[in-house]
Amino acid sequence: MNLQKTKNWSLIELTIILTVLSILCAILAPVIDRFVRNAKVVRCREDVQAIGCAITMFIEDTANSYFLRDGTPWETGGAGRGDSAFTGGSAPNQDKSNRVDLLVSDGDIPEAHDVNRWLEPVDYGKADFLEYHLVTNTPGHSGGNAYRTPSDLVRGAADQDPMFARYESGGFNSEFAWRGPYMTAPIDPDPWGNRYAVNVKFLDPCANTANHTAPWNGFEEDVVILSAGPDEEVDTCFDEDGLTPGDDDILYTLSGNSRP
């Protein structure tokens, strides 16, 4: 009977193999790390752009200059813009008390180097989730606050307010309404696990034409979708004209001192 002899690795051979493997790992690790980091940044930039496009579609469909805490039509007050000519109550109230200042996605609240309004917790009022406005039409997590939909318009909800009606176009799209969902749920966190945030407070530059320097009217502030970026710390000011990213924050400009 022939027995094959097996060759054992010598200590020198094992040492050489391990040394080569260590060198290869040292060379490849930074390359892989850089690839993963770049992939996260690319995904983040695509996400903020997608959120921006969804917000733009929402505004075009609803004719709302702001996101609203309560989007249901008022029984009185027309468009809620101080115009007493329309008392039929077709449009939701867009007064400051009914506006959302900050919309966010799921995810952790990042850090900041100082007090920063980007970090405000969700209170289902001034700060709310993007999903409730762009996906489920439940502002403040309540169906009772829904923006009006085409089915509401069939019942003549907009008849008394031509500002919110496209009578000349006719058909299903003849009147402004929420026609979402504008994104698929859930709206995930950024690649580092933190939330995206949008300073929607500054969407409409015409909120107060008598005083265009007021901090709520959008003349002096840009609207952006923000991620805290790889360092997971927000370094960008909430309200700033000519907004540029702070440190490695990732931004998509939705409105540069003008309505989209």
Protein backbone atom coordinates (compact mmCIF):
# COMPACT_ATOMS: atom_id res chain seq x y z
CA MET A 1 0.00 0.00 0.00
CA ASN A 2 1.41 3.38 -1.06
CA LEU A 3 1.07 6.21 1.37
CA GLN A 4 1.40 9.73 0.02
CA LYS A 5 3.54 11.96 2.09
CA THR A 6 1.98 15.31 2.95
CA LYS A 7 4.19 18.37 2.94
CA ASN A 8 3.88 20.60 5.99
CA TRP A 9 4.40 24.35 5.82
CA SER A 10 7.56 25.50 7.40
CA LEU A 11 7.63 28.43 9.82
CA ILE A 12 9.52 30.54 7.30
CA GLU A 13 6.96 29.85 4.56
CA LEU A 14 4.04 30.75 6.86
CA THR A 15 5.83 33.93 7.87
CA ILE A 16 6.31 34.94 4.24
CA ILE A 17 2.64 34.25 3.38
CA LEU A 18 1.36 36.23 6.36
CA THR A 19 3.69 39.10 5.52
CA VAL A 20 2.43 39.25 1.93
CA LEU A 21 -1.18 39.14 3.09
CA SER A 22 -0.52 41.93 5.58
CA ILE A 23 1.01 44.10 2.86
CA LEU A 24 -1.95 43.48 0.54
CA CYS A 25 -4.42 44.37 3.31
CA ALA A 26 -2.50 47.56 4.10
CA ILE A 27 -2.67 48.55 0.43
CA LEU A 28 -6.32 47.59 -0.18
CA ALA A 29 -7.90 48.82 3.09
CA PRO A 30 -7.65 52.56 2.28
CA VAL A 31 -8.90 51.91 -1.25
CA ILE A 32 -11.93 50.00 0.01
CA ASP A 33 -12.59 52.60 2.71
CA ARG A 34 -12.44 55.40 0.14
CA PHE A 35 -14.78 53.50 -2.17
CA VAL A 36 -17.34 52.96 0.61
CA ARG A 37 -17.12 56.61 1.69
CA ASN A 38 -17.57 57.88 -1.87
CA ALA A 39 -20.52 55.52 -2.42
CA LYS A 40 -22.23 56.93 0.69
CA VAL A 41 -21.68 60.51 -0.46
CA VAL A 42 -23.08 59.73 -3.92
CA ARG A 43 -26.15 58.07 -2.42
CA CYS A 44 -26.67 61.00 -0.09
CA ARG A 45 -26.54 63.50 -2.95
CA GLU A 46 -29.08 61.45 -4.88
CA ASP A 47 -31.35 61.31 -1.82
CA VAL A 48 -31.38 65.06 -1.18
CA GLN A 49 -32.11 65.71 -4.86
CA ALA A 50 -34.99 63.19 -4.82
CA ILE A 51 -36.49 64.85 -1.74
CA GLY A 52 -36.16 68.24 -3.43
CA CYS A 53 -37.96 67.01 -6.55
CA ALA A 54 -40.78 65.57 -4.43
CA ILE A 55 -41.22 68.87 -2.59
CA THR A 56 -41.34 70.76 -5.88
CA MET A 57 -44.07 68.44 -7.21
CA PHE A 58 -46.04 68.88 -3.99
CA ILE A 59 -45.92 72.67 -4.32
CA GLU A 60 -46.93 72.60 -7.99
CA ASP A 61 -49.86 70.27 -7.30
CA THR A 62 -51.25 71.97 -4.20
CA ALA A 63 -50.35 75.62 -4.91
CA ASN A 64 -49.29 75.82 -1.27
CA SER A 65 -46.41 78.17 -0.62
CA TYR A 66 -45.73 76.34 2.63
CA PHE A 67 -46.13 72.97 4.21
CA LEU A 68 -49.02 73.22 6.64
CA ARG A 69 -49.71 71.80 10.07
CA ASP A 70 -53.36 71.46 9.04
CA GLY A 71 -54.02 71.26 5.30
CA THR A 72 -57.80 70.91 5.44
CA PRO A 73 -59.89 73.66 3.79
CA TRP A 74 -61.32 76.22 6.13
CA GLU A 75 -65.09 76.66 6.28
CA THR A 76 -64.48 80.41 6.25
CA GLY A 77 -61.54 82.54 5.27
CA GLY A 78 -60.91 81.54 1.68
CA ALA A 79 -57.22 81.21 0.90
CA GLY A 80 -56.19 82.30 4.37
CA ARG A 81 -54.06 85.14 2.95
CA GLY A 82 -55.98 88.03 4.42
CA ASP A 83 -58.25 88.42 1.40
CA SER A 84 -61.80 88.73 2.70
CA ALA A 85 -63.29 88.55 -0.80
CA PHE A 86 -63.41 84.76 -0.66
CA THR A 87 -65.58 83.49 2.17
CA GLY A 88 -66.55 80.14 0.70
CA GLY A 89 -63.63 78.46 2.40
CA SER A 90 -61.89 76.50 -0.33
CA ALA A 91 -58.25 76.74 0.72
CA PRO A 92 -56.37 75.82 3.90
CA ASN A 93 -55.12 78.60 6.12
CA GLN A 94 -51.53 79.57 5.27
CA ASP A 95 -51.03 82.00 8.13
CA LYS A 96 -47.78 81.69 10.08
CA SER A 97 -49.48 79.82 12.91
CA ASN A 98 -50.36 76.99 10.53
CA ARG A 99 -46.97 76.56 8.84
CA VAL A 100 -44.34 73.90 9.35
CA ASP A 101 -40.80 75.25 9.80
CA LEU A 102 -38.78 72.04 9.55
CA LEU A 103 -39.42 68.70 7.81
CA VAL A 104 -37.22 65.68 8.50
CA SER A 105 -36.83 62.04 7.49
CA ASP A 106 -36.39 59.08 9.79
CA GLY A 107 -33.00 58.83 11.47
CA ASP A 108 -31.01 60.05 14.43
CA ILE A 109 -30.64 63.73 15.22
CA PRO A 110 -27.00 64.61 14.43
CA GLU A 111 -24.75 66.74 16.56
CA ALA A 112 -23.96 70.42 16.05
CA HIS A 113 -21.13 72.66 17.13
CA ASP A 114 -23.62 75.16 18.59
CA VAL A 115 -27.36 75.70 19.01
CA ASN A 116 -28.83 74.90 15.63
CA ARG A 117 -32.43 74.88 14.44
CA TRP A 118 -31.69 71.95 12.15
CA LEU A 119 -31.71 69.78 15.28
CA GLU A 120 -35.21 70.56 16.56
CA PRO A 121 -37.13 67.45 17.63
CA VAL A 122 -40.36 66.53 15.87
CA ASP A 123 -43.38 67.98 17.65
CA TYR A 124 -45.91 67.21 14.87
CA GLY A 125 -46.41 70.95 14.48
CA LYS A 126 -43.56 73.30 13.64
CA ALA A 127 -41.33 70.27 13.03
CA ASP A 128 -42.78 67.22 11.29
CA PHE A 129 -41.82 64.18 9.24
CA LEU A 130 -41.46 64.46 5.47
CA GLU A 131 -43.35 61.19 5.09
CA TYR A 132 -46.57 62.60 6.57
CA HIS A 133 -46.67 65.36 3.94
CA LEU A 134 -45.20 63.67 0.86
CA VAL A 135 -46.29 60.04 1.25
CA THR A 136 -49.28 59.48 3.51
CA ASN A 137 -51.00 62.93 3.50
CA THR A 138 -51.33 62.94 7.28
CA PRO A 139 -49.70 66.17 8.53
CA GLY A 140 -48.97 65.92 12.22
CA HIS A 141 -49.62 62.17 11.93
CA SER A 142 -53.36 62.83 11.64
CA GLY A 143 -55.71 62.06 8.78
CA GLY A 144 -57.85 64.94 9.99
CA ASN A 145 -55.13 67.36 8.89
CA ALA A 146 -54.90 66.04 5.32
CA TYR A 147 -54.39 68.32 2.33
CA ARG A 148 -57.36 68.27 0.01
CA THR A 149 -57.29 65.63 -2.73
CA PRO A 150 -59.03 65.35 -6.13
CA SER A 151 -61.89 63.50 -4.44
CA ASP A 152 -62.46 66.56 -2.23
CA LEU A 153 -62.56 68.80 -5.29
CA VAL A 154 -65.31 66.70 -6.86
CA ARG A 155 -67.52 67.96 -4.06
CA GLY A 156 -66.82 71.56 -5.06
CA ALA A 157 -64.35 72.43 -2.32
CA ALA A 158 -62.54 74.95 -4.53
CA ASP A 159 -65.47 76.61 -6.25
CA GLN A 160 -65.35 79.79 -4.18
CA ASP A 161 -61.66 80.53 -4.60
CA PRO A 162 -60.30 80.96 -8.16
CA MET A 163 -56.79 81.37 -6.74
CA PHE A 164 -56.77 77.64 -6.13
CA ALA A 165 -58.56 76.52 -9.30
CA ARG A 166 -57.47 75.90 -12.87
CA TYR A 167 -60.89 76.12 -14.46
CA GLU A 168 -59.57 76.93 -17.90
CA SER A 169 -57.66 73.64 -18.20
CA GLY A 170 -60.56 71.32 -17.35
CA GLY A 171 -60.42 67.63 -16.58
CA PHE A 172 -58.94 65.74 -13.64
CA ASN A 173 -56.04 68.17 -13.23
CA SER A 174 -58.20 71.28 -13.42
CA GLU A 175 -57.80 72.20 -9.74
CA PHE A 176 -54.95 72.23 -7.26
CA ALA A 177 -54.84 69.26 -4.90
CA TRP A 178 -52.56 66.76 -3.17
CA ARG A 179 -51.88 64.11 -5.81
CA GLY A 180 -49.24 62.04 -4.06
CA PRO A 181 -47.59 59.99 -2.88
CA TYR A 182 -44.57 61.90 -4.12
CA MET A 183 -42.06 59.44 -2.66
CA THR A 184 -42.06 55.83 -1.53
CA ALA A 185 -42.10 55.04 2.18
CA PRO A 186 -40.16 54.95 4.33
CA ILE A 187 -37.98 57.98 3.67
CA ASP A 188 -34.78 56.49 5.01
CA PRO A 189 -32.02 58.20 7.02
CA ASP A 190 -28.84 59.34 5.33
CA PRO A 191 -26.05 56.76 4.84
CA TRP A 192 -24.64 57.54 8.29
CA GLY A 193 -27.95 56.89 10.04
CA ASN A 194 -28.92 60.54 10.62
CA ARG A 195 -32.03 62.30 9.40
CA TYR A 196 -32.35 64.54 6.39
CA ALA A 197 -33.80 67.97 7.20
CA VAL A 198 -35.44 70.72 5.13
CA ASN A 199 -35.88 74.32 6.31
CA VAL A 200 -39.26 74.65 4.59
CA LYS A 201 -39.98 77.72 6.70
CA PHE A 202 -38.45 79.86 3.95
CA LEU A 203 -40.26 78.46 0.91
CA ASP A 204 -42.34 81.49 -0.02
CA PRO A 205 -40.55 84.85 -0.48
CA CYS A 206 -43.90 86.65 -0.74
CA ALA A 207 -45.16 85.90 2.75
CA ASN A 208 -44.71 89.50 3.83
CA THR A 209 -44.03 91.87 0.97
CA ALA A 210 -44.31 94.88 3.27
CA ASN A 211 -41.19 93.80 5.12
CA HIS A 212 -39.04 91.62 2.90
CA THR A 213 -36.21 91.45 5.42
CA ALA A 214 -38.31 89.66 8.03
CA PRO A 215 -36.81 86.25 8.91
CA TRP A 216 -39.89 84.27 7.89
CA ASN A 217 -40.47 85.48 4.35
CA GLY A 218 -37.69 83.80 2.41
CA PHE A 219 -36.11 86.87 0.85
CA GLU A 220 -32.91 86.49 2.83
CA GLU A 221 -32.84 82.72 3.37
CA ASP A 222 -32.29 79.76 1.06
CA VAL A 223 -34.27 76.53 1.26
CA VAL A 224 -32.11 73.40 1.25
CA ILE A 225 -32.31 69.70 1.97
CA LEU A 226 -29.47 68.94 4.38
CA SER A 227 -27.49 65.94 5.56
CA ALA A 228 -24.90 66.34 8.31
CA GLY A 229 -22.49 64.33 6.15
CA PRO A 230 -19.72 61.90 7.10
CA ASP A 231 -18.71 63.69 10.31
CA GLU A 232 -22.37 63.53 11.50
CA GLU A 233 -22.28 67.13 12.72
CA VAL A 234 -24.33 70.01 11.30
CA ASP A 235 -22.15 73.02 10.52
CA THR A 236 -24.54 74.90 8.21
CA CYS A 237 -26.68 77.81 9.41
CA PHE A 238 -30.44 77.30 9.33
CA ASP A 239 -31.19 80.72 7.88
CA GLU A 240 -28.64 82.25 5.57
CA ASP A 241 -28.58 84.03 2.23
CA GLY A 242 -26.38 82.42 -0.39
CA LEU A 243 -26.27 79.27 1.69
CA THR A 244 -23.15 77.14 1.30
CA PRO A 245 -22.38 73.86 3.05
CA GLY A 246 -20.54 74.08 6.32
CA ASP A 247 -17.62 71.65 6.66
CA ASP A 248 -18.74 68.38 4.99
CA ASP A 249 -22.51 68.92 5.15
CA ILE A 250 -24.28 67.77 1.99
CA LEU A 251 -26.95 70.13 0.62
CA TYR A 252 -29.37 70.34 -2.26
CA THR A 253 -30.66 73.87 -2.90
CA LEU A 254 -34.40 73.81 -3.44
CA SER A 255 -35.00 77.52 -3.55
CA GLY A 256 -32.38 80.24 -3.68
CA ASN A 257 -34.37 83.20 -2.37
CA SER A 258 -37.35 82.34 -4.58
CA ARG A 259 -40.19 79.94 -4.78
CA PRO A 260 -39.36 76.81 -6.84
